[in-house]
Amino acid sequence: MRFTEIGQQLRAYRMETGLRAEEIAARLGVSRAALYRYEKGEVIKLDTIQRLAELLKISPLSLLGIGVEYYNRPAGYFERLRQIEETADQILLVHQPICYLTTSANYDSALAEAFFEAADAAGAERGAMRSAAEQLLGLLAARKKSYQARRPSIIAMVSASSIARFLEGGIASALPLSERMRRVCRDVAATEVEHTASLMETEPMGLQFGLLQSGEPSSTFEILRTRDRASLAVNPFPPDTAPNGQPGVAMVTSADDAVGAHQRVAEANWRDVLKGTAAAAKLRDLVAKARASA
C-alpha cells in the first residue's frame, strides 16, 4: 500500500466532510496527532482504514486509491487537486473560461473581497461563511504557489461560451454582491480574459492555449500526468465557487479506460481549436462586446 497517497486522500476526505481533525480522531478513538501522522503517510492498519472509511462514508477502496473518488464539496476536491498537481508534469484542462493556475494576483484579491463581502452580509452565518471562504482561498493559494514553484506544462482549452458567461457575470457570479463589487468582479474577469489572450499570442514555454468555438464537451475535466501515472478529474466546481454554494459531484480516478476516453475527447477538440493570434483576437472581441453592453 502507498501510505503517503492514503494519507493524502484521508486529508481530502476529511475536508470533504467538514469535520475537524479532533472530531474524527475522537470518533476513531485516536489522538489528533495520530490522525495527522496518518495524513502524512505513517503506516496505517487495514482495520483502521475500514473504520475511517465508515466514518467518512466512503468505500475503503476509495481510501486505498482503488476505483473512483467522489467529492461533493469544493474544499475536499480542491485539496485533492492540490495534492495531484504537486507532482504533475503535465496538466490538460478542457472547457473552462480561464486557467486558474495562470491567473494574476488581482483575481485572487477580488475573489477574496467578494467572498468576504458576501459573508459579512450573511447575518448569523457570517462566521461559518468566512471560515469556509478562508479555507477555499487557502487551498487556491497553495495550488498557485505549487504551480509557480514547479511550472508543469499546461495545455488549456477555454471555451467561447463559458468566456461569454464569465464576462457577463464576472468572477463569483453566484454570490449576492453590491453593485460596486459586481463591477470589480466583471472588470477583473475582463482583465483575466485579456491576460489569456496575451498568453495565446506569446506562447510562453510550457503553456499552450486553444479556444473552443463549437462542439464543446458537456463537462469540465482535467488530465494530470506524472512519469508513471495519469489522473482524471471531472470538475463541477470552478475556482470562484461560492463557499456555501450548492454541492456537486466531482470525480477523480486513475482508471485507464476513463483517462483514455477523456484523452480522446481532448485530442479531438485540440485539432479544431483556434490558436495564437486568431484566438487572441476572438477573446478581445468578446471582451469588447461585454464592455460595450455593460
Protein backbone atom coordinates (compact mmCIF):
# COMPACT_ATOMS: atom_id res chain seq x y z
CA MET A 1 0.00 0.00 0.00
CA ARG A 2 1.14 3.55 -0.73
CA PHE A 3 0.67 5.08 2.69
CA THR A 4 1.57 8.59 1.53
CA GLU A 5 -1.26 8.50 -1.01
CA ILE A 6 -3.65 7.04 1.55
CA GLY A 7 -2.75 9.90 3.87
CA GLN A 8 -3.36 12.47 1.15
CA GLN A 9 -6.77 11.06 0.35
CA LEU A 10 -7.61 10.86 4.05
CA ARG A 11 -6.92 14.58 4.37
CA ALA A 12 -9.03 15.39 1.29
CA TYR A 13 -11.94 13.29 2.52
CA ARG A 14 -11.67 14.86 5.98
CA MET A 15 -12.07 18.28 4.38
CA GLU A 16 -14.92 16.89 2.32
CA THR A 17 -16.88 16.00 5.47
CA GLY A 18 -16.40 19.42 7.03
CA LEU A 19 -15.41 17.73 10.30
CA ARG A 20 -12.47 18.99 12.33
CA ALA A 21 -9.49 16.71 12.83
CA GLU A 22 -10.22 16.40 16.55
CA GLU A 23 -13.79 15.28 15.83
CA ILE A 24 -12.65 12.49 13.53
CA ALA A 25 -9.86 11.48 15.92
CA ALA A 26 -12.31 11.31 18.83
CA ARG A 27 -14.79 9.16 16.91
CA LEU A 28 -11.96 6.94 15.77
CA GLY A 29 -10.54 6.64 19.27
CA VAL A 30 -7.08 8.02 18.43
CA SER A 31 -5.29 11.26 19.21
CA ARG A 32 -5.39 14.19 16.83
CA ALA A 33 -1.61 13.84 16.48
CA ALA A 34 -2.07 10.22 15.36
CA LEU A 35 -4.60 11.30 12.73
CA TYR A 36 -2.18 13.90 11.40
CA ARG A 37 0.56 11.26 11.24
CA TYR A 38 -1.74 9.07 9.15
CA GLU A 39 -2.33 12.03 6.82
CA LYS A 40 1.44 12.49 6.46
CA GLY A 41 1.90 8.89 5.34
CA GLU A 42 2.50 6.88 8.52
CA VAL A 43 1.70 3.17 8.29
CA ILE A 44 -1.99 2.58 8.96
CA LYS A 45 -3.64 -0.74 9.72
CA LEU A 46 -6.33 -2.18 7.48
CA ASP A 47 -8.88 -2.25 10.29
CA THR A 48 -8.21 1.46 10.90
CA ILE A 49 -8.75 2.13 7.20
CA GLN A 50 -12.05 0.26 7.41
CA ARG A 51 -13.18 2.33 10.41
CA LEU A 52 -12.09 5.57 8.75
CA ALA A 53 -14.00 4.66 5.59
CA GLU A 54 -17.15 4.00 7.61
CA LEU A 55 -16.74 7.29 9.46
CA LEU A 56 -16.14 9.27 6.27
CA LYS A 57 -18.94 7.40 4.47
CA ILE A 58 -16.76 6.24 1.60
CA SER A 59 -15.60 2.90 0.23
CA PRO A 60 -12.38 1.54 1.76
CA LEU A 61 -11.22 1.01 -1.82
CA SER A 62 -11.51 4.76 -2.46
CA LEU A 63 -9.34 5.48 0.56
CA LEU A 64 -6.82 2.95 -0.73
CA GLY A 65 -6.71 4.72 -4.09
CA ILE A 66 -8.50 1.92 -5.92
CA GLY A 67 -11.51 2.84 -8.01
CA VAL A 68 -13.15 6.25 -8.19
CA GLU A 69 -13.02 9.08 -5.65
CA TYR A 70 -16.10 11.29 -5.33
CA TYR A 71 -16.27 14.74 -3.74
CA ASN A 72 -19.45 16.72 -3.03
CA ARG A 73 -17.83 19.87 -1.64
CA PRO A 74 -15.26 22.15 -3.27
CA ALA A 75 -12.92 22.07 -0.25
CA GLY A 76 -12.33 18.33 -0.46
CA TYR A 77 -11.96 18.40 -4.23
CA PHE A 78 -9.58 21.38 -4.27
CA GLU A 79 -7.40 19.72 -1.65
CA ARG A 80 -7.23 16.53 -3.69
CA LEU A 81 -6.44 18.50 -6.84
CA ARG A 82 -3.68 20.36 -4.98
CA GLN A 83 -2.12 17.03 -4.00
CA ILE A 84 -2.14 15.69 -7.55
CA GLU A 85 -0.85 18.95 -9.03
CA GLU A 86 2.14 18.86 -6.65
CA THR A 87 3.68 16.01 -8.65
CA ALA A 88 2.10 16.53 -12.09
CA ASP A 89 4.39 17.08 -15.06
CA GLN A 90 1.57 17.97 -17.45
CA ILE A 91 -1.93 19.36 -16.93
CA LEU A 92 -4.54 19.17 -19.67
CA LEU A 93 -7.56 21.37 -18.98
CA VAL A 94 -10.75 21.30 -21.05
CA HIS A 95 -13.76 23.65 -21.10
CA GLN A 96 -13.27 26.47 -18.60
CA PRO A 97 -13.32 30.23 -19.19
CA ILE A 98 -9.79 30.65 -17.79
CA CYS A 99 -6.97 28.55 -16.37
CA TYR A 100 -6.84 29.39 -12.66
CA LEU A 101 -3.16 28.47 -12.22
CA THR A 102 -2.12 31.17 -14.70
CA THR A 103 -4.38 33.93 -13.34
CA SER A 104 -2.97 37.11 -11.84
CA ALA A 105 -2.87 38.17 -8.20
CA ASN A 106 -5.76 40.54 -8.97
CA TYR A 107 -8.01 37.53 -9.49
CA ASP A 108 -7.27 36.18 -6.01
CA SER A 109 -7.64 39.61 -4.39
CA ALA A 110 -11.01 40.28 -6.00
CA LEU A 111 -12.24 36.78 -5.19
CA ALA A 112 -11.29 37.23 -1.52
CA GLU A 113 -13.05 40.59 -1.38
CA ALA A 114 -16.19 39.11 -2.96
CA PHE A 115 -16.21 36.12 -0.61
CA PHE A 116 -15.84 38.28 2.49
CA GLU A 117 -18.42 40.83 1.38
CA ALA A 118 -20.95 38.03 0.89
CA ALA A 119 -20.00 36.53 4.26
CA ASP A 120 -20.38 39.86 6.07
CA ALA A 121 -23.91 40.19 4.67
CA ALA A 122 -24.90 36.69 5.80
CA GLY A 123 -26.04 37.61 9.30
CA ALA A 124 -25.91 34.65 11.67
CA GLU A 125 -24.00 32.61 9.08
CA ARG A 126 -21.22 35.18 8.83
CA GLY A 127 -18.67 33.23 10.90
CA ALA A 128 -19.23 29.95 9.09
CA MET A 129 -19.10 31.62 5.67
CA ARG A 130 -15.89 33.48 6.46
CA SER A 131 -14.30 30.26 7.71
CA ALA A 132 -15.34 28.40 4.55
CA ALA A 133 -14.08 31.28 2.39
CA GLU A 134 -10.71 31.33 4.15
CA GLN A 135 -10.38 27.58 3.65
CA LEU A 136 -11.12 27.76 -0.09
CA LEU A 137 -8.84 30.76 -0.60
CA GLY A 138 -6.05 28.98 1.25
CA LEU A 139 -6.38 25.92 -0.98
CA LEU A 140 -6.38 28.02 -4.14
CA ALA A 141 -3.31 29.94 -2.95
CA ALA A 142 -1.50 26.67 -2.19
CA ARG A 143 -2.28 25.36 -5.67
CA LYS A 144 -0.96 28.50 -7.36
CA LYS A 145 2.17 28.56 -5.18
CA SER A 146 2.94 24.96 -6.11
CA TYR A 147 2.43 25.70 -9.81
CA GLN A 148 4.69 28.75 -9.72
CA ALA A 149 7.43 26.78 -7.97
CA ARG A 150 7.30 23.74 -10.30
CA ARG A 151 5.91 25.05 -13.60
CA PRO A 152 4.40 21.85 -15.04
CA SER A 153 3.35 22.21 -18.66
CA ILE A 154 -0.26 23.23 -19.26
CA ILE A 155 -2.49 22.70 -22.25
CA ALA A 156 -5.74 24.59 -21.74
CA MET A 157 -8.78 24.65 -23.98
CA VAL A 158 -11.01 27.54 -22.98
CA SER A 159 -14.46 27.81 -24.48
CA ALA A 160 -16.08 30.82 -26.12
CA SER A 161 -19.48 30.23 -24.48
CA SER A 162 -18.05 29.90 -20.95
CA ILE A 163 -15.92 33.02 -21.51
CA ALA A 164 -19.01 34.99 -22.56
CA ARG A 165 -20.82 33.90 -19.39
CA PHE A 166 -17.74 34.69 -17.31
CA LEU A 167 -17.52 38.20 -18.74
CA GLU A 168 -21.24 38.82 -18.22
CA GLY A 169 -21.32 37.76 -14.57
CA GLY A 170 -17.73 38.36 -13.55
CA ILE A 171 -15.91 36.24 -11.02
CA ALA A 172 -18.00 34.87 -8.14
CA SER A 173 -21.14 35.33 -10.24
CA ALA A 174 -23.20 33.10 -7.93
CA LEU A 175 -22.71 35.39 -4.92
CA PRO A 176 -25.09 38.23 -3.94
CA LEU A 177 -22.78 41.23 -4.15
CA SER A 178 -23.07 45.01 -4.07
CA GLU A 179 -23.12 46.83 -7.39
CA ARG A 180 -19.62 48.16 -6.70
CA MET A 181 -18.26 44.67 -6.04
CA ARG A 182 -20.04 43.24 -9.06
CA ARG A 183 -18.38 45.88 -11.27
CA VAL A 184 -15.00 44.97 -9.77
CA CYS A 185 -15.65 41.29 -10.47
CA ARG A 186 -16.60 41.99 -14.08
CA ASP A 187 -13.55 44.18 -14.58
CA VAL A 188 -11.25 41.51 -13.18
CA ALA A 189 -12.90 38.87 -15.38
CA ALA A 190 -12.23 41.02 -18.45
CA THR A 191 -8.63 41.58 -17.38
CA GLU A 192 -8.07 37.85 -16.94
CA VAL A 193 -9.53 37.05 -20.36
CA GLU A 194 -7.22 39.67 -21.87
CA HIS A 195 -4.35 38.03 -19.99
CA THR A 196 -5.28 34.69 -21.59
CA ALA A 197 -5.28 36.41 -24.98
CA SER A 198 -1.73 37.64 -24.32
CA LEU A 199 -0.62 34.10 -23.43
CA MET A 200 -2.13 32.84 -26.67
CA GLU A 201 -0.11 35.38 -28.63
CA THR A 202 3.22 34.99 -26.85
CA GLU A 203 3.02 31.21 -26.31
CA PRO A 204 5.43 31.11 -23.34
CA MET A 205 7.39 27.93 -22.71
CA GLY A 206 5.21 25.21 -21.20
CA LEU A 207 1.87 26.94 -21.90
CA GLN A 208 -0.48 26.20 -24.79
CA PHE A 209 -3.95 27.72 -25.06
CA GLY A 210 -6.68 26.99 -27.56
CA LEU A 211 -10.17 28.43 -28.00
CA LEU A 212 -13.11 26.06 -28.34
CA GLN A 213 -15.76 27.66 -30.53
CA SER A 214 -18.28 24.87 -31.11
CA GLY A 215 -18.90 21.25 -30.24
CA GLU A 216 -17.80 21.85 -26.67
CA PRO A 217 -17.66 19.00 -24.14
CA SER A 218 -20.59 18.71 -21.75
CA SER A 219 -18.32 18.73 -18.70
CA THR A 220 -15.13 20.32 -17.44
CA PHE A 221 -12.25 17.95 -16.85
CA GLU A 222 -8.52 17.79 -16.33
CA ILE A 223 -5.98 15.09 -17.05
CA LEU A 224 -2.90 15.34 -14.86
CA ARG A 225 0.13 13.24 -15.78
CA THR A 226 3.27 12.22 -13.96
CA ARG A 227 6.00 9.98 -15.30
CA ASP A 228 4.17 6.79 -14.34
CA ARG A 229 0.56 7.78 -13.73
CA ALA A 230 -2.35 9.75 -15.17
CA SER A 231 -5.31 11.03 -13.17
CA LEU A 232 -8.64 12.26 -14.48
CA ALA A 233 -10.52 14.93 -12.55
CA VAL A 234 -14.08 15.72 -13.65
CA ASN A 235 -14.99 19.00 -12.02
CA PRO A 236 -18.28 20.83 -11.36
CA PHE A 237 -16.53 23.41 -9.15
CA PRO A 238 -14.96 26.47 -10.82
CA PRO A 239 -12.28 28.28 -8.77
CA ASP A 240 -14.78 31.00 -7.83
CA THR A 241 -17.31 28.53 -6.44
CA ALA A 242 -19.28 30.12 -3.62
CA PRO A 243 -18.09 28.74 -0.26
CA ASN A 244 -21.68 27.88 0.66
CA GLY A 245 -22.78 27.04 -2.87
CA GLN A 246 -24.82 24.09 -3.97
CA PRO A 247 -22.90 20.81 -3.75
CA GLY A 248 -21.93 19.00 -6.90
CA VAL A 249 -20.18 15.72 -7.61
CA ALA A 250 -16.53 15.89 -8.58
CA MET A 251 -14.74 12.70 -9.57
CA VAL A 252 -11.10 11.67 -9.53
CA THR A 253 -9.83 8.41 -11.00
CA SER A 254 -6.72 6.84 -12.50
CA ALA A 255 -8.63 4.12 -14.34
CA ASP A 256 -7.07 3.67 -17.77
CA ASP A 257 -10.40 3.49 -19.61
CA ALA A 258 -11.72 6.70 -18.05
CA VAL A 259 -8.46 8.59 -18.68
CA GLY A 260 -8.28 7.24 -22.24
CA ALA A 261 -11.86 8.19 -23.11
CA HIS A 262 -11.37 11.77 -21.94
CA GLN A 263 -7.96 11.97 -23.62
CA ARG A 264 -9.60 11.11 -26.95
CA VAL A 265 -12.20 13.85 -26.44
CA ALA A 266 -9.43 16.33 -25.65
CA GLU A 267 -7.38 15.34 -28.71
CA ALA A 268 -10.41 15.65 -31.00
CA ASN A 269 -11.13 19.13 -29.64
CA TRP A 270 -7.49 20.23 -29.86
CA ARG A 271 -7.48 19.54 -33.59
CA ASP A 272 -10.29 22.08 -34.05
CA VAL A 273 -9.41 24.83 -31.58
CA LEU A 274 -8.43 28.31 -32.63
CA LYS A 275 -4.89 29.16 -31.56
CA GLY A 276 -2.39 32.00 -31.49
CA THR A 277 -3.22 35.49 -32.71
CA ALA A 278 -6.53 34.42 -34.22
CA ALA A 279 -7.72 33.04 -30.86
CA ALA A 280 -6.42 36.12 -29.03
CA ALA A 281 -8.35 38.40 -31.38
CA LYS A 282 -11.53 36.44 -30.72
CA LEU A 283 -11.09 36.79 -26.97
CA ARG A 284 -10.50 40.52 -27.22
CA ASP A 285 -13.63 40.80 -29.35
CA LEU A 286 -15.63 39.03 -26.61
CA VAL A 287 -14.20 41.43 -24.02
CA ALA A 288 -15.07 44.46 -26.18
CA LYS A 289 -18.65 43.27 -26.63
CA ALA A 290 -19.04 42.60 -22.91
CA ARG A 291 -17.77 46.07 -22.03
CA ALA A 292 -19.99 47.71 -24.62
CA SER A 293 -23.09 46.02 -23.18
CA ALA A 294 -22.22 46.72 -19.53
